[in-house]
Amino acid sequence: MLKIKDLNVYYGAIHALKNINMEVDEGEIVTLIGANGAGKTSTLRAISGLVKVNSGEINFEGNALNLMPNYKIPHLGLSHVPEGRRIFCNLTVMENLELGAYIRKDKKGIQKDYDNVFDKFPRLKERTKQMAGTLSGGEQQMLAMGRALMIKPKILLLDEPSMGLAPLVVKDIFSIIKDINEAGTTILLVEQNARMALSIADKAYVIETGNITMEGDARELLNSDSIRKAYLGE
């Protein structure tokens, strides 16, 4: 479904991503774990066309994303929840969700997906007229995910969905991520909470200073001594 081959990204003289190779198959949850500054966010931003790809290929269902204008990428069924949520704080919850559906014309389908979002995130339904900037951190993360789902994505890119959230809220968010996947959406998850990410993922990649250093079955990596020492504090 999504295949990244020999991807290189530079920020000026800094070589941020070094010959990255990754694959995400339809129906999977794939997680990319690593320390701060390792290149996790840069990988997602390269896929979404938010940073320039210097060399390599990003192929999504036969489309070369690195050769496309980034505004066309959501039309292919790819949606991105950025690090830090990036909701529109000066708009209401409902207006944020409406903007998520901006590329769609199917009014009945859009209404159905509003209902689906409210089923997954009941707190948002209670706050449709509330300004998004006044929501709690957990509610803002739910709104960012709900907005991304309004595109009706085939694949959802999630960047640090647990960042800054209380443990109970994190548990809820990861449960919802599993539900989204089970409903048919493929997920590429970037996450510093390696234990949580590996516990729900099918496949995992480890990135260190711009290099993929390890890959494999997520459960096997969760039980790996080197992963436990490096990322799980054991």
Protein backbone atom coordinates (compact mmCIF):
# COMPACT_ATOMS: atom_id res chain seq x y z
CA MET A 1 0.00 0.00 0.00
CA LEU A 2 2.72 2.46 1.05
CA LYS A 3 6.32 1.80 0.08
CA ILE A 4 9.29 4.04 0.87
CA LYS A 5 12.53 3.33 -0.95
CA ASP A 6 15.97 4.89 -0.31
CA LEU A 7 14.44 8.09 1.08
CA ASN A 8 16.81 10.97 1.83
CA VAL A 9 15.84 14.30 3.36
CA TYR A 10 18.15 17.20 4.19
CA TYR A 11 17.55 20.33 6.24
CA GLY A 12 20.32 22.52 4.85
CA ALA A 13 23.54 20.66 5.62
CA ILE A 14 21.83 18.28 8.06
CA HIS A 15 21.12 14.83 6.63
CA ALA A 16 17.87 14.08 8.49
CA LEU A 17 16.76 10.85 6.77
CA LYS A 18 19.33 8.46 5.35
CA ASN A 19 18.21 5.90 2.78
CA ILE A 20 15.00 5.04 4.63
CA ASN A 21 13.19 1.90 3.46
CA MET A 22 9.75 1.06 4.86
CA GLU A 23 6.57 -0.74 3.84
CA VAL A 24 3.03 -0.49 5.17
CA ASP A 25 0.58 -3.14 3.96
CA GLU A 26 -3.15 -2.58 3.77
CA GLY A 27 -4.94 -3.21 7.06
CA GLU A 28 -1.83 -2.99 9.24
CA ILE A 29 -0.82 -0.82 12.14
CA VAL A 30 2.85 -0.04 11.58
CA THR A 31 4.77 1.94 14.17
CA LEU A 32 7.97 3.93 13.86
CA ILE A 33 9.74 4.37 17.20
CA GLY A 34 12.87 6.25 18.19
CA ALA A 35 14.27 8.99 20.38
CA ASN A 36 13.63 12.71 19.96
CA GLY A 37 15.30 14.00 16.81
CA ALA A 38 15.73 10.54 15.30
CA GLY A 39 13.70 11.37 12.17
CA LYS A 40 10.23 10.06 12.99
CA THR A 41 8.33 13.28 12.30
CA SER A 42 10.46 14.02 9.23
CA THR A 43 9.43 10.66 7.78
CA LEU A 44 5.72 11.46 8.13
CA ARG A 45 6.20 14.98 6.82
CA ALA A 46 8.03 13.62 3.78
CA ILE A 47 5.15 11.23 3.06
CA SER A 48 2.64 14.10 3.29
CA GLY A 49 4.74 16.37 1.11
CA LEU A 50 5.41 18.85 3.92
CA VAL A 51 9.19 18.56 3.54
CA LYS A 52 11.19 18.26 0.36
CA VAL A 53 12.45 14.81 -0.59
CA ASN A 54 16.02 15.09 -1.86
CA SER A 55 16.14 11.56 -3.29
CA GLY A 56 14.30 8.27 -3.11
CA GLU A 57 10.71 7.21 -3.70
CA ILE A 58 7.45 7.33 -1.73
CA ASN A 59 4.82 5.22 -3.45
CA PHE A 60 1.20 5.03 -2.29
CA GLU A 61 -1.04 2.66 -4.25
CA GLY A 62 0.95 3.27 -7.43
CA ASN A 63 1.22 7.05 -6.95
CA ALA A 64 4.64 8.66 -6.52
CA LEU A 65 3.88 11.04 -3.65
CA ASN A 66 7.31 12.69 -3.83
CA LEU A 67 6.50 13.86 -7.37
CA MET A 68 3.04 15.25 -6.55
CA PRO A 69 1.97 18.67 -5.24
CA ASN A 70 1.20 18.12 -1.55
CA TYR A 71 -2.34 19.53 -1.80
CA LYS A 72 -3.30 16.59 -4.03
CA ILE A 73 -2.14 13.92 -1.57
CA PRO A 74 -5.27 13.94 0.66
CA HIS A 75 -7.38 13.23 -2.44
CA LEU A 76 -5.66 9.83 -2.67
CA GLY A 77 -6.93 8.84 0.78
CA LEU A 78 -3.99 9.80 2.98
CA SER A 79 -4.60 11.80 6.15
CA HIS A 80 -2.05 13.16 8.64
CA VAL A 81 -2.54 14.03 12.32
CA PRO A 82 0.52 16.20 13.02
CA GLU A 83 2.61 16.39 16.16
CA GLY A 84 1.13 18.95 18.53
CA ARG A 85 -2.36 18.38 17.08
CA ARG A 86 -2.48 21.66 15.06
CA ILE A 87 -6.21 22.15 15.39
CA PHE A 88 -7.77 25.50 14.44
CA CYS A 89 -8.05 27.00 17.93
CA ASN A 90 -10.14 30.00 16.88
CA LEU A 91 -12.80 27.81 15.25
CA THR A 92 -15.43 25.61 16.88
CA VAL A 93 -15.17 21.84 17.17
CA MET A 94 -17.73 21.45 14.38
CA GLU A 95 -15.94 23.91 12.10
CA ASN A 96 -12.71 21.93 12.55
CA LEU A 97 -14.51 18.74 11.52
CA GLU A 98 -16.10 20.49 8.54
CA LEU A 99 -12.65 21.56 7.34
CA GLY A 100 -11.56 17.92 7.57
CA ALA A 101 -14.19 17.09 4.95
CA TYR A 102 -13.26 19.97 2.61
CA ILE A 103 -12.31 17.73 -0.34
CA ARG A 104 -15.54 15.71 -0.22
CA LYS A 105 -18.81 16.33 -2.08
CA ASP A 106 -20.91 13.40 -0.80
CA LYS A 107 -23.22 15.11 1.69
CA LYS A 108 -24.84 11.91 2.96
CA GLY A 109 -21.45 10.26 3.42
CA ILE A 110 -20.11 13.32 5.24
CA GLN A 111 -23.05 13.30 7.66
CA LYS A 112 -22.54 9.59 8.30
CA ASP A 113 -18.88 10.23 9.08
CA TYR A 114 -19.73 13.05 11.49
CA ASP A 115 -21.85 10.46 13.32
CA ASN A 116 -18.97 7.96 13.21
CA VAL A 117 -16.58 10.53 14.68
CA PHE A 118 -19.05 11.37 17.45
CA ASP A 119 -19.47 7.64 18.18
CA LYS A 120 -15.72 7.31 18.63
CA PHE A 121 -15.32 10.61 20.48
CA PRO A 122 -18.54 11.30 22.45
CA ARG A 123 -16.95 14.27 24.21
CA LEU A 124 -16.68 16.08 20.89
CA LYS A 125 -20.43 15.72 20.32
CA GLU A 126 -21.03 17.50 23.62
CA ARG A 127 -18.76 20.36 22.53
CA THR A 128 -19.62 20.97 18.86
CA LYS A 129 -20.10 24.73 19.41
CA GLN A 130 -17.15 25.14 21.77
CA MET A 131 -14.01 26.93 20.56
CA ALA A 132 -11.41 24.27 19.88
CA GLY A 133 -8.68 26.19 21.71
CA THR A 134 -10.59 25.85 24.99
CA LEU A 135 -10.61 22.02 24.91
CA SER A 136 -8.36 19.94 27.15
CA GLY A 137 -5.24 18.37 25.64
CA GLY A 138 -6.93 15.00 25.32
CA GLU A 139 -9.99 16.50 23.69
CA GLN A 140 -7.81 18.43 21.24
CA GLN A 141 -6.08 15.17 20.27
CA MET A 142 -9.48 13.56 19.74
CA LEU A 143 -10.52 16.52 17.57
CA ALA A 144 -7.33 16.30 15.49
CA MET A 145 -7.98 12.60 14.90
CA GLY A 146 -11.66 13.20 14.16
CA ARG A 147 -10.80 15.94 11.67
CA ALA A 148 -8.35 13.59 9.91
CA LEU A 149 -10.99 10.84 9.74
CA MET A 150 -13.38 13.20 7.94
CA ILE A 151 -11.23 12.87 4.81
CA LYS A 152 -12.27 9.19 4.90
CA PRO A 153 -8.65 8.06 4.67
CA LYS A 154 -7.35 4.73 3.47
CA ILE A 155 -4.25 5.36 5.59
CA LEU A 156 -3.91 7.55 8.67
CA LEU A 157 -0.55 8.99 9.73
CA LEU A 158 -0.43 9.67 13.47
CA ASP A 159 2.43 11.70 14.92
CA GLU A 160 2.89 11.37 18.71
CA PRO A 161 -0.80 11.05 19.64
CA SER A 162 0.05 10.45 23.33
CA MET A 163 2.26 13.53 23.73
CA GLY A 164 1.49 15.50 26.89
CA LEU A 165 -1.56 13.43 27.83
CA ALA A 166 -2.45 11.80 31.15
CA PRO A 167 -2.01 7.99 31.28
CA LEU A 168 -5.76 7.29 31.35
CA VAL A 169 -6.32 9.50 28.31
CA VAL A 170 -3.42 7.79 26.51
CA LYS A 171 -5.10 4.43 27.15
CA ASP A 172 -8.33 5.76 25.60
CA ILE A 173 -6.51 7.18 22.57
CA PHE A 174 -4.73 3.90 21.84
CA SER A 175 -7.98 1.97 22.21
CA ILE A 176 -9.56 4.27 19.64
CA ILE A 177 -6.56 3.82 17.30
CA LYS A 178 -7.18 0.06 17.41
CA ASP A 179 -10.89 0.61 16.71
CA ILE A 180 -10.09 2.84 13.71
CA ASN A 181 -7.80 0.15 12.33
CA GLU A 182 -10.31 -2.63 12.90
CA ALA A 183 -12.90 -0.57 11.00
CA GLY A 184 -10.65 -0.75 7.93
CA THR A 185 -8.16 2.14 8.08
CA THR A 186 -4.45 1.38 7.77
CA ILE A 187 -2.30 3.25 10.29
CA LEU A 188 1.29 4.47 10.37
CA LEU A 189 2.00 5.50 13.95
CA VAL A 190 4.94 7.57 15.17
CA GLU A 191 5.18 7.37 18.93
CA GLN A 192 7.66 7.90 21.78
CA ASN A 193 5.63 5.67 24.08
CA ALA A 194 7.27 2.59 22.60
CA ARG A 195 5.54 0.11 24.89
CA MET A 196 2.05 1.29 23.93
CA ALA A 197 2.92 1.55 20.24
CA LEU A 198 4.46 -1.93 20.05
CA SER A 199 1.57 -3.43 21.99
CA ILE A 200 -0.99 -2.49 19.30
CA ALA A 201 1.15 -2.60 16.13
CA ASP A 202 1.58 -5.44 13.66
CA LYS A 203 4.99 -4.32 12.45
CA ALA A 204 7.60 -1.91 13.77
CA TYR A 205 10.63 0.04 12.61
CA VAL A 206 13.27 1.58 14.87
CA ILE A 207 14.91 4.79 13.66
CA GLU A 208 18.12 6.24 15.09
CA THR A 209 19.76 9.44 13.79
CA GLY A 210 17.96 9.14 10.47
CA ASN A 211 18.68 5.44 9.91
CA ILE A 212 16.35 2.45 10.21
CA THR A 213 18.33 0.22 12.57
CA MET A 214 15.79 -2.52 13.26
CA GLU A 215 12.50 -3.79 11.87
CA GLY A 216 10.21 -6.73 12.43
CA ASP A 217 7.13 -8.08 14.13
CA ALA A 218 6.03 -5.58 16.79
CA ARG A 219 5.49 -8.19 19.52
CA GLU A 220 8.93 -9.67 18.90
CA LEU A 221 10.54 -6.24 19.17
CA LEU A 222 8.55 -5.59 22.37
CA ASN A 223 10.29 -8.63 23.86
CA SER A 224 13.73 -7.75 22.47
CA ASP A 225 16.36 -7.07 25.13
CA SER A 226 17.95 -4.23 23.13
CA ILE A 227 14.57 -2.51 22.62
CA ARG A 228 13.68 -2.94 26.28
CA LYS A 229 16.95 -1.33 27.37
CA ALA A 230 16.88 1.50 24.82
CA TYR A 231 13.17 2.44 24.77
CA LEU A 232 11.32 0.76 27.62
CA GLY A 233 13.57 1.77 30.49
CA GLU A 234 14.37 -1.82 31.47
